[in-house]
Amino acid sequence: MSDVIERPVMSLEAEIIAYEAMLEELTRHHLGKFVVIKDNNLIGAFDTFETAAAVAVRAFGRGPYLIRQVGAPIVQLPASVLYNPSVATAL
């Protein structure tokens, strides 16, 4: 059971590393946009979090994938807080 929990976290860490490697380029071209990173690739840049989340959920289900607003301070949420994909699929 712990492997199921740990695997997405490890993958998300890889997405964070990919985001940080892309940050200079993202800042030049997508400042203020919400970007989706999956499998070390930029999937897209969106005007709202809701749109980014809807695209990510449709394409990848529950994830893991990373959604960040380029240039915004990093917000740390408790592990118990999860994004509800049913909200995104309604968009």
C-alpha atoms as a PDB file:
ATOM      1  CA  MET A   1       0.000   0.000   0.000  1.00  0.00           C
ATOM      2  CA  SER A   2       2.805   2.446   0.798  1.00  0.00           C
ATOM      3  CA  ASP A   3       4.213   1.980  -2.734  1.00  0.00           C
ATOM      4  CA  VAL A   4       0.943   3.288  -4.168  1.00  0.00           C
ATOM      5  CA  ILE A   5       1.186   6.407  -2.008  1.00  0.00           C
ATOM      6  CA  GLU A   6       4.915   7.021  -2.467  1.00  0.00           C
ATOM      7  CA  ARG A   7       5.069   6.576  -6.254  1.00  0.00           C
ATOM      8  CA  PRO A   8       2.945   9.665  -7.150  1.00  0.00           C
ATOM      9  CA  VAL A   9       4.909  11.784  -4.688  1.00  0.00           C
ATOM     10  CA  MET A  10       8.199  10.738  -6.270  1.00  0.00           C
ATOM     11  CA  SER A  11       6.801  11.479  -9.722  1.00  0.00           C
ATOM     12  CA  LEU A  12       5.564  14.881  -8.589  1.00  0.00           C
ATOM     13  CA  GLU A  13       9.051  15.670  -7.324  1.00  0.00           C
ATOM     14  CA  ALA A  14      10.329  14.919 -10.835  1.00  0.00           C
ATOM     15  CA  GLU A  15       7.744  17.341 -12.270  1.00  0.00           C
ATOM     16  CA  ILE A  16       8.881  20.043  -9.819  1.00  0.00           C
ATOM     17  CA  ILE A  17      12.489  19.525 -10.899  1.00  0.00           C
ATOM     18  CA  ALA A  18      11.413  19.779 -14.558  1.00  0.00           C
ATOM     19  CA  TYR A  19       9.474  23.004 -13.798  1.00  0.00           C
ATOM     20  CA  GLU A  20      12.502  24.509 -12.089  1.00  0.00           C
ATOM     21  CA  ALA A  21      14.702  23.581 -15.076  1.00  0.00           C
ATOM     22  CA  MET A  22      12.205  25.292 -17.430  1.00  0.00           C
ATOM     23  CA  LEU A  23      11.593  28.306 -15.204  1.00  0.00           C
ATOM     24  CA  GLU A  24      13.721  30.834 -17.107  1.00  0.00           C
ATOM     25  CA  GLU A  25      12.023  29.985 -20.402  1.00  0.00           C
ATOM     26  CA  LEU A  26       8.576  29.830 -18.770  1.00  0.00           C
ATOM     27  CA  THR A  27       9.123  33.242 -17.199  1.00  0.00           C
ATOM     28  CA  ARG A  28      10.044  34.745 -20.575  1.00  0.00           C
ATOM     29  CA  HIS A  29       7.040  33.336 -22.417  1.00  0.00           C
ATOM     30  CA  HIS A  30       4.332  32.470 -19.873  1.00  0.00           C
ATOM     31  CA  LEU A  31       4.666  34.827 -16.900  1.00  0.00           C
ATOM     32  CA  GLY A  32       1.441  34.810 -14.877  1.00  0.00           C
ATOM     33  CA  LYS A  33       0.025  31.779 -16.709  1.00  0.00           C
ATOM     34  CA  PHE A  34      -0.816  28.455 -15.094  1.00  0.00           C
ATOM     35  CA  VAL A  35       1.342  25.735 -16.604  1.00  0.00           C
ATOM     36  CA  VAL A  36       0.791  21.990 -16.572  1.00  0.00           C
ATOM     37  CA  ILE A  37       3.919  19.813 -16.389  1.00  0.00           C
ATOM     38  CA  LYS A  38       3.655  16.047 -16.935  1.00  0.00           C
ATOM     39  CA  ASP A  39       6.454  13.545 -17.604  1.00  0.00           C
ATOM     40  CA  ASN A  40       8.997  16.395 -17.680  1.00  0.00           C
ATOM     41  CA  ASN A  41       7.109  18.131 -20.498  1.00  0.00           C
ATOM     42  CA  LEU A  42       5.213  21.397 -20.688  1.00  0.00           C
ATOM     43  CA  ILE A  43       1.666  20.367 -21.596  1.00  0.00           C
ATOM     44  CA  GLY A  44       0.296  23.878 -21.868  1.00  0.00           C
ATOM     45  CA  ALA A  45      -0.018  27.367 -20.410  1.00  0.00           C
ATOM     46  CA  PHE A  46      -3.458  28.645 -19.377  1.00  0.00           C
ATOM     47  CA  ASP A  47      -5.006  31.875 -18.131  1.00  0.00           C
ATOM     48  CA  THR A  48      -6.749  30.276 -15.133  1.00  0.00           C
ATOM     49  CA  PHE A  49      -6.046  27.476 -12.697  1.00  0.00           C
ATOM     50  CA  GLU A  50      -9.470  26.020 -13.428  1.00  0.00           C
ATOM     51  CA  THR A  51      -8.727  25.696 -17.144  1.00  0.00           C
ATOM     52  CA  ALA A  52      -5.293  24.186 -16.482  1.00  0.00           C
ATOM     53  CA  ALA A  53      -6.804  21.703 -14.031  1.00  0.00           C
ATOM     54  CA  ALA A  54      -9.649  20.765 -16.385  1.00  0.00           C
ATOM     55  CA  VAL A  55      -7.195  20.052 -19.219  1.00  0.00           C
ATOM     56  CA  ALA A  56      -4.908  18.057 -16.912  1.00  0.00           C
ATOM     57  CA  VAL A  57      -7.734  15.988 -15.442  1.00  0.00           C
ATOM     58  CA  ARG A  58      -9.185  15.231 -18.882  1.00  0.00           C
ATOM     59  CA  ALA A  59      -5.787  14.196 -20.227  1.00  0.00           C
ATOM     60  CA  PHE A  60      -4.253  12.445 -17.201  1.00  0.00           C
ATOM     61  CA  GLY A  61      -6.970  11.694 -14.652  1.00  0.00           C
ATOM     62  CA  ARG A  62      -5.896  12.118 -11.065  1.00  0.00           C
ATOM     63  CA  GLY A  63      -2.260  12.585 -11.964  1.00  0.00           C
ATOM     64  CA  PRO A  64       0.325  13.125 -10.805  1.00  0.00           C
ATOM     65  CA  TYR A  65       1.044  16.264 -12.750  1.00  0.00           C
ATOM     66  CA  LEU A  66       2.147  19.712 -11.684  1.00  0.00           C
ATOM     67  CA  ILE A  67       0.148  22.915 -12.067  1.00  0.00           C
ATOM     68  CA  ARG A  68       2.003  26.107 -11.189  1.00  0.00           C
ATOM     69  CA  GLN A  69       1.456  29.780 -11.860  1.00  0.00           C
ATOM     70  CA  VAL A  70       4.655  31.079 -13.416  1.00  0.00           C
ATOM     71  CA  GLY A  71       6.127  33.864 -11.281  1.00  0.00           C
ATOM     72  CA  ALA A  72       3.817  33.335  -8.296  1.00  0.00           C
ATOM     73  CA  PRO A  73       5.219  32.440  -4.873  1.00  0.00           C
ATOM     74  CA  ILE A  74       5.053  28.738  -4.088  1.00  0.00           C
ATOM     75  CA  VAL A  75       2.137  27.816  -1.832  1.00  0.00           C
ATOM     76  CA  GLN A  76       2.619  24.773   0.390  1.00  0.00           C
ATOM     77  CA  LEU A  77      -0.584  22.858   1.095  1.00  0.00           C
ATOM     78  CA  PRO A  78      -0.946  20.072   3.628  1.00  0.00           C
ATOM     79  CA  ALA A  79      -0.829  16.572   2.160  1.00  0.00           C
ATOM     80  CA  SER A  80      -4.448  16.098   3.183  1.00  0.00           C
ATOM     81  CA  VAL A  81      -5.592  18.759   0.700  1.00  0.00           C
ATOM     82  CA  LEU A  82      -6.359  17.312  -2.732  1.00  0.00           C
ATOM     83  CA  TYR A  83      -7.750  18.926  -5.837  1.00  0.00           C
ATOM     84  CA  ASN A  84     -11.228  17.591  -6.619  1.00  0.00           C
ATOM     85  CA  PRO A  85     -11.257  16.481 -10.273  1.00  0.00           C
ATOM     86  CA  SER A  86     -15.061  16.394 -10.396  1.00  0.00           C
ATOM     87  CA  VAL A  87     -15.004  20.197 -10.273  1.00  0.00           C
ATOM     88  CA  ALA A  88     -12.575  20.448 -13.192  1.00  0.00           C
ATOM     89  CA  THR A  89     -14.510  18.050 -15.412  1.00  0.00           C
ATOM     90  CA  ALA A  90     -17.592  20.258 -15.088  1.00  0.00           C
ATOM     91  CA  LEU A  91     -15.767  23.095 -16.906  1.00  0.00           C
END
